[in-house]
C-alpha atoms as a PDB file:
ATOM      1  CA  UNK A   1     -15.765  14.172  -5.766  1.00  0.00           C
ATOM      2  CA  UNK A   2     -14.996  17.995  -5.714  1.00  0.00           C
ATOM      3  CA  UNK A   3     -12.417  19.664  -4.072  1.00  0.00           C
ATOM      4  CA  UNK A   4     -15.197  21.519  -2.244  1.00  0.00           C
ATOM      5  CA  UNK A   5     -17.021  18.224  -1.462  1.00  0.00           C
ATOM      6  CA  UNK A   6     -13.460  16.932   0.093  1.00  0.00           C
ATOM      7  CA  UNK A   7     -13.161  20.370   2.198  1.00  0.00           C
ATOM      8  CA  UNK A   8     -16.818  19.509   3.697  1.00  0.00           C
ATOM      9  CA  UNK A   9     -15.949  15.563   4.560  1.00  0.00           C
ATOM     10  CA  UNK A  10     -12.388  16.418   6.528  1.00  0.00           C
ATOM     11  CA  UNK A  11     -11.923  13.255   8.546  1.00  0.00           C
ATOM     12  CA  UNK A  12     -14.595  11.525   6.734  1.00  0.00           C
ATOM     13  CA  UNK A  13     -13.300   8.093   4.888  1.00  0.00           C
ATOM     14  CA  UNK A  14     -12.734   7.808   1.862  1.00  0.00           C
ATOM     15  CA  UNK A  15     -12.264   4.473  -1.263  1.00  0.00           C
ATOM     16  CA  UNK A  16      -9.413   5.919  -3.703  1.00  0.00           C
ATOM     17  CA  UNK A  17      -9.713   4.463  -6.994  1.00  0.00           C
ATOM     18  CA  UNK A  18      -7.807   5.514 -10.147  1.00  0.00           C
ATOM     19  CA  UNK A  19      -8.771   2.461 -12.416  1.00  0.00           C
ATOM     20  CA  UNK A  20      -5.307   1.102 -12.633  1.00  0.00           C
ATOM     21  CA  UNK A  21      -4.550  -0.056  -8.866  1.00  0.00           C
ATOM     22  CA  UNK A  22      -6.530  -1.954  -6.393  1.00  0.00           C
ATOM     23  CA  UNK A  23      -8.930   0.493  -4.399  1.00  0.00           C
ATOM     24  CA  UNK A  24      -7.303   1.745  -1.508  1.00  0.00           C
ATOM     25  CA  UNK A  25      -9.171   3.224   2.107  1.00  0.00           C
ATOM     26  CA  UNK A  26      -8.526   6.382   3.647  1.00  0.00           C
ATOM     27  CA  UNK A  27      -9.510   9.247   5.965  1.00  0.00           C
ATOM     28  CA  UNK A  28      -9.436  13.061   4.344  1.00  0.00           C
ATOM     29  CA  UNK A  29      -7.029  14.965   6.710  1.00  0.00           C
ATOM     30  CA  UNK A  30      -6.975  18.110   4.508  1.00  0.00           C
ATOM     31  CA  UNK A  31      -7.391  20.253   1.140  1.00  0.00           C
ATOM     32  CA  UNK A  32      -5.255  22.421  -0.574  1.00  0.00           C
ATOM     33  CA  UNK A  33      -6.183  24.889  -3.312  1.00  0.00           C
ATOM     34  CA  UNK A  34      -5.980  21.417  -5.709  1.00  0.00           C
ATOM     35  CA  UNK A  35      -5.485  18.218  -3.706  1.00  0.00           C
ATOM     36  CA  UNK A  36      -7.246  16.590  -1.168  1.00  0.00           C
ATOM     37  CA  UNK A  37      -4.717  14.810   1.951  1.00  0.00           C
ATOM     38  CA  UNK A  38      -5.352  11.432   2.723  1.00  0.00           C
ATOM     39  CA  UNK A  39      -4.037   8.853   5.203  1.00  0.00           C
ATOM     40  CA  UNK A  40      -4.155   5.695   3.991  1.00  0.00           C
ATOM     41  CA  UNK A  41      -4.900   2.697   5.458  1.00  0.00           C
ATOM     42  CA  UNK A  42      -1.488   1.201   7.191  1.00  0.00           C
ATOM     43  CA  UNK A  43       0.322   4.646   6.232  1.00  0.00           C
ATOM     44  CA  UNK A  44       1.219   6.830   8.686  1.00  0.00           C
ATOM     45  CA  UNK A  45       1.399  10.406   6.756  1.00  0.00           C
ATOM     46  CA  UNK A  46      -1.182  11.691   4.205  1.00  0.00           C
ATOM     47  CA  UNK A  47      -0.923  11.869   0.669  1.00  0.00           C
ATOM     48  CA  UNK A  48      -1.956  14.573  -2.146  1.00  0.00           C
ATOM     49  CA  UNK A  49      -4.297  12.908  -3.874  1.00  0.00           C
ATOM     50  CA  UNK A  50      -6.439  14.398  -7.251  1.00  0.00           C
ATOM     51  CA  UNK A  51     -10.039  14.489  -6.056  1.00  0.00           C
ATOM     52  CA  UNK A  52     -11.722  12.984  -8.665  1.00  0.00           C
ATOM     53  CA  UNK A  53      -9.981   9.728  -7.783  1.00  0.00           C
ATOM     54  CA  UNK A  54     -11.934   9.432  -4.436  1.00  0.00           C
ATOM     55  CA  UNK A  55     -15.327   8.500  -3.484  1.00  0.00           C
ATOM     56  CA  UNK A  56     -16.632   8.903  -0.430  1.00  0.00           C
ATOM     57  CA  UNK A  57     -17.479   6.395   2.411  1.00  0.00           C
ATOM     58  CA  UNK A  58     -21.354   6.196   3.346  1.00  0.00           C
ATOM     59  CA  UNK A  59     -21.451   8.328   6.682  1.00  0.00           C
ATOM     60  CA  UNK A  60     -24.015   7.669   9.388  1.00  0.00           C
ATOM     61  CA  UNK A  61     -26.076  10.875   8.450  1.00  0.00           C
ATOM     62  CA  UNK A  62     -25.945   9.363   4.994  1.00  0.00           C
ATOM     63  CA  UNK A  63     -27.501   6.651   5.873  1.00  0.00           C
ATOM     64  CA  UNK A  64     -31.573   5.921   6.523  1.00  0.00           C
END
C-alpha cells in the first residue's frame, strides 16, 4: 500500500505483514508524510507503520 492509498482508506481495515512476524489486523486511524497509523486488535493506541507492510482488507464497495 502507498501513503496516498492509506489516506483514501482511513477507518478501513488492514493486515500488517512484514514477512517475519505473524500477520496482524488493524484499522487505519491517520496518515503522516511517511507513516500510516494503525490501531491493531487488542491495542488501545495506534502505532506508526510502514505503508509497504500493509494490505487493505476487502470492503463492501470492493466486493461484487
